[in-house]
PDB file of N, CA and C in Angstrom:
ATOM      1  N   UNK A   1       0.848  -1.209   0.000  1.00  0.00           N
ATOM      2  CA  UNK A   1       0.000   0.000   0.000  1.00  0.00           C
ATOM      3  C   UNK A   1       0.880   1.255   0.000  1.00  0.00           C
ATOM      4  N   UNK A   2       0.454   2.246  -0.750  1.00  0.00           N
ATOM      5  CA  UNK A   2       1.229   3.491  -0.819  1.00  0.00           C
ATOM      6  C   UNK A   2       1.072   4.274   0.483  1.00  0.00           C
ATOM      7  N   UNK A   3       2.127   4.969   0.902  1.00  0.00           N
ATOM      8  CA  UNK A   3       2.062   5.754   2.146  1.00  0.00           C
ATOM      9  C   UNK A   3       1.041   6.876   2.025  1.00  0.00           C
ATOM     10  N   UNK A   4       0.366   7.215   3.114  1.00  0.00           N
ATOM     11  CA  UNK A   4      -0.650   8.279   3.093  1.00  0.00           C
ATOM     12  C   UNK A   4      -0.030   9.639   2.813  1.00  0.00           C
ATOM     13  N   UNK A   5      -0.857  10.572   2.396  1.00  0.00           N
ATOM     14  CA  UNK A   5      -0.374  11.926   2.103  1.00  0.00           C
ATOM     15  C   UNK A   5       0.110  12.592   3.387  1.00  0.00           C
ATOM     16  N   UNK A   6       1.013  13.568   3.281  1.00  0.00           N
ATOM     17  CA  UNK A   6       1.529  14.276   4.470  1.00  0.00           C
ATOM     18  C   UNK A   6       0.403  14.838   5.326  1.00  0.00           C
ATOM     19  N   UNK A   7      -0.629  15.387   4.689  1.00  0.00           N
ATOM     20  CA  UNK A   7      -1.733  15.971   5.458  1.00  0.00           C
ATOM     21  C   UNK A   7      -2.432  14.892   6.275  1.00  0.00           C
ATOM     22  N   UNK A   8      -2.698  13.752   5.647  1.00  0.00           N
ATOM     23  CA  UNK A   8      -3.378  12.672   6.360  1.00  0.00           C
ATOM     24  C   UNK A   8      -2.521  12.185   7.516  1.00  0.00           C
ATOM     25  N   UNK A   9      -1.210  12.071   7.277  1.00  0.00           N
ATOM     26  CA  UNK A   9      -0.311  11.613   8.334  1.00  0.00           C
ATOM     27  C   UNK A   9      -0.323  12.585   9.503  1.00  0.00           C
ATOM     28  N   UNK A  10      -0.285  13.880   9.204  1.00  0.00           N
ATOM     29  CA  UNK A  10      -0.264  14.887  10.270  1.00  0.00           C
ATOM     30  C   UNK A  10      -1.553  14.819  11.079  1.00  0.00           C
ATOM     31  N   UNK A  11      -2.675  14.647  10.391  1.00  0.00           N
ATOM     32  CA  UNK A  11      -3.961  14.589  11.088  1.00  0.00           C
ATOM     33  C   UNK A  11      -4.065  13.305  11.906  1.00  0.00           C
ATOM     34  N   UNK A  12      -3.531  12.208  11.358  1.00  0.00           N
ATOM     35  CA  UNK A  12      -3.601  10.930  12.070  1.00  0.00           C
ATOM     36  C   UNK A  12      -2.735  10.956  13.326  1.00  0.00           C
ATOM     37  N   UNK A  13      -1.756  11.859  13.365  1.00  0.00           N
ATOM     38  CA  UNK A  13      -0.866  11.943  14.524  1.00  0.00           C
ATOM     39  C   UNK A  13      -1.641  12.336  15.776  1.00  0.00           C
ATOM     40  N   UNK A  14      -2.824  12.885  15.616  1.00  0.00           N
ATOM     41  CA  UNK A  14      -3.647  13.301  16.756  1.00  0.00           C
ATOM     42  C   UNK A  14      -3.980  12.120  17.657  1.00  0.00           C
ATOM     43  N   UNK A  15      -4.343  12.399  18.897  1.00  0.00           N
ATOM     44  CA  UNK A  15      -4.634  11.332  19.855  1.00  0.00           C
ATOM     45  C   UNK A  15      -5.934  10.627  19.490  1.00  0.00           C
ATOM     46  N   UNK A  16      -6.781  11.288  18.708  1.00  0.00           N
ATOM     47  CA  UNK A  16      -8.093  10.716  18.392  1.00  0.00           C
ATOM     48  C   UNK A  16      -8.161  10.269  16.933  1.00  0.00           C
ATOM     49  N   UNK A  17      -8.667   9.085  16.675  1.00  0.00           N
ATOM     50  CA  UNK A  17      -8.739   8.574  15.295  1.00  0.00           C
ATOM     51  C   UNK A  17      -9.635   9.426  14.412  1.00  0.00           C
ATOM     52  N   UNK A  18     -10.484  10.233  15.031  1.00  0.00           N
ATOM     53  CA  UNK A  18     -11.391  11.081  14.254  1.00  0.00           C
ATOM     54  C   UNK A  18     -10.601  12.073  13.411  1.00  0.00           C
ATOM     55  N   UNK A  19      -9.369  12.404  13.856  1.00  0.00           N
ATOM     56  CA  UNK A  19      -8.585  13.390  13.116  1.00  0.00           C
ATOM     57  C   UNK A  19      -8.100  12.842  11.785  1.00  0.00           C
ATOM     58  N   UNK A  20      -8.211  11.507  11.577  1.00  0.00           N
ATOM     59  CA  UNK A  20      -7.755  10.963  10.306  1.00  0.00           C
ATOM     60  C   UNK A  20      -8.642  11.411   9.162  1.00  0.00           C
ATOM     61  N   UNK A  21      -9.786  12.035   9.474  1.00  0.00           N
ATOM     62  CA  UNK A  21     -10.678  12.520   8.410  1.00  0.00           C
ATOM     63  C   UNK A  21      -9.976  13.648   7.651  1.00  0.00           C
ATOM     64  N   UNK A  22      -9.928  13.577   6.316  1.00  0.00           N
ATOM     65  CA  UNK A  22      -9.268  14.626   5.530  1.00  0.00           C
ATOM     66  C   UNK A  22      -9.957  15.973   5.702  1.00  0.00           C
ATOM     67  N   UNK A  23      -9.198  16.965   6.112  1.00  0.00           N
ATOM     68  CA  UNK A  23      -9.771  18.305   6.312  1.00  0.00           C
ATOM     69  C   UNK A  23      -8.904  19.328   5.593  1.00  0.00           C
ATOM     70  N   UNK A  24      -9.537  20.234   4.858  1.00  0.00           N
ATOM     71  CA  UNK A  24      -8.745  21.243   4.132  1.00  0.00           C
ATOM     72  C   UNK A  24      -8.346  22.391   5.039  1.00  0.00           C
ATOM     73  N   UNK A  25      -9.201  22.766   5.973  1.00  0.00           N
ATOM     74  CA  UNK A  25      -8.896  23.917   6.841  1.00  0.00           C
ATOM     75  C   UNK A  25      -8.450  23.441   8.219  1.00  0.00           C
ATOM     76  N   UNK A  26      -7.443  24.091   8.777  1.00  0.00           N
ATOM     77  CA  UNK A  26      -6.981  23.730  10.119  1.00  0.00           C
ATOM     78  C   UNK A  26      -8.074  24.007  11.145  1.00  0.00           C
ATOM     79  N   UNK A  27      -8.910  25.003  10.872  1.00  0.00           N
ATOM     80  CA  UNK A  27      -9.983  25.337  11.808  1.00  0.00           C
ATOM     81  C   UNK A  27     -10.908  24.146  11.988  1.00  0.00           C
ATOM     82  N   UNK A  28     -11.224  23.462  10.889  1.00  0.00           N
ATOM     83  CA  UNK A  28     -12.113  22.298  10.986  1.00  0.00           C
ATOM     84  C   UNK A  28     -11.442  21.207  11.808  1.00  0.00           C
ATOM     85  N   UNK A  29     -10.134  21.015  11.592  1.00  0.00           N
ATOM     86  CA  UNK A  29      -9.414  19.988  12.335  1.00  0.00           C
ATOM     87  C   UNK A  29      -9.463  20.293  13.829  1.00  0.00           C
ATOM     88  N   UNK A  30      -9.281  21.559  14.186  1.00  0.00           N
ATOM     89  CA  UNK A  30      -9.345  21.947  15.596  1.00  0.00           C
ATOM     90  C   UNK A  30     -10.733  21.661  16.151  1.00  0.00           C
ATOM     91  N   UNK A  31     -11.769  21.947  15.350  1.00  0.00           N
ATOM     92  CA  UNK A  31     -13.143  21.713  15.809  1.00  0.00           C
ATOM     93  C   UNK A  31     -13.364  20.232  16.070  1.00  0.00           C
ATOM     94  N   UNK A  32     -12.860  19.398  15.176  1.00  0.00           N
ATOM     95  CA  UNK A  32     -13.017  17.948  15.354  1.00  0.00           C
ATOM     96  C   UNK A  32     -12.300  17.498  16.618  1.00  0.00           C
ATOM     97  N   UNK A  33     -11.132  18.059  16.854  1.00  0.00           N
ATOM     98  CA  UNK A  33     -10.363  17.681  18.049  1.00  0.00           C
ATOM     99  C   UNK A  33     -11.141  18.053  19.301  1.00  0.00           C
ATOM    100  N   UNK A  34     -11.700  19.264  19.337  1.00  0.00           N
ATOM    101  CA  UNK A  34     -12.467  19.694  20.508  1.00  0.00           C
ATOM    102  C   UNK A  34     -13.665  18.775  20.717  1.00  0.00           C
ATOM    103  N   UNK A  35     -14.334  18.405  19.624  1.00  0.00           N
ATOM    104  CA  UNK A  35     -15.507  17.537  19.743  1.00  0.00           C
ATOM    105  C   UNK A  35     -15.101  16.190  20.331  1.00  0.00           C
ATOM    106  N   UNK A  36     -13.970  15.660  19.883  1.00  0.00           N
ATOM    107  CA  UNK A  36     -13.519  14.359  20.380  1.00  0.00           C
ATOM    108  C   UNK A  36     -13.192  14.445  21.870  1.00  0.00           C
ATOM    109  N   UNK A  37     -12.528  15.518  22.270  1.00  0.00           N
ATOM    110  CA  UNK A  37     -12.166  15.679  23.680  1.00  0.00           C
ATOM    111  C   UNK A  37     -13.427  15.848  24.519  1.00  0.00           C
ATOM    112  N   UNK A  38     -14.400  16.567  23.985  1.00  0.00           N
ATOM    113  CA  UNK A  38     -15.639  16.803  24.724  1.00  0.00           C
ATOM    114  C   UNK A  38     -16.367  15.482  24.957  1.00  0.00           C
ATOM    115  N   UNK A  39     -16.306  14.597  23.973  1.00  0.00           N
ATOM    116  CA  UNK A  39     -16.974  13.308  24.127  1.00  0.00           C
ATOM    117  C   UNK A  39     -16.182  12.454  25.125  1.00  0.00           C
TER     118      UNK A  39
END
């Protein structure tokens, strides 16, 4: 399998698997992180 894109790798580095979702804006990624922590 080919290695994931740099963006996907950076997002996957997060503590929550939800961050593996491809996001174009960093703001959305931050929102997802907050939602995961809140849960």
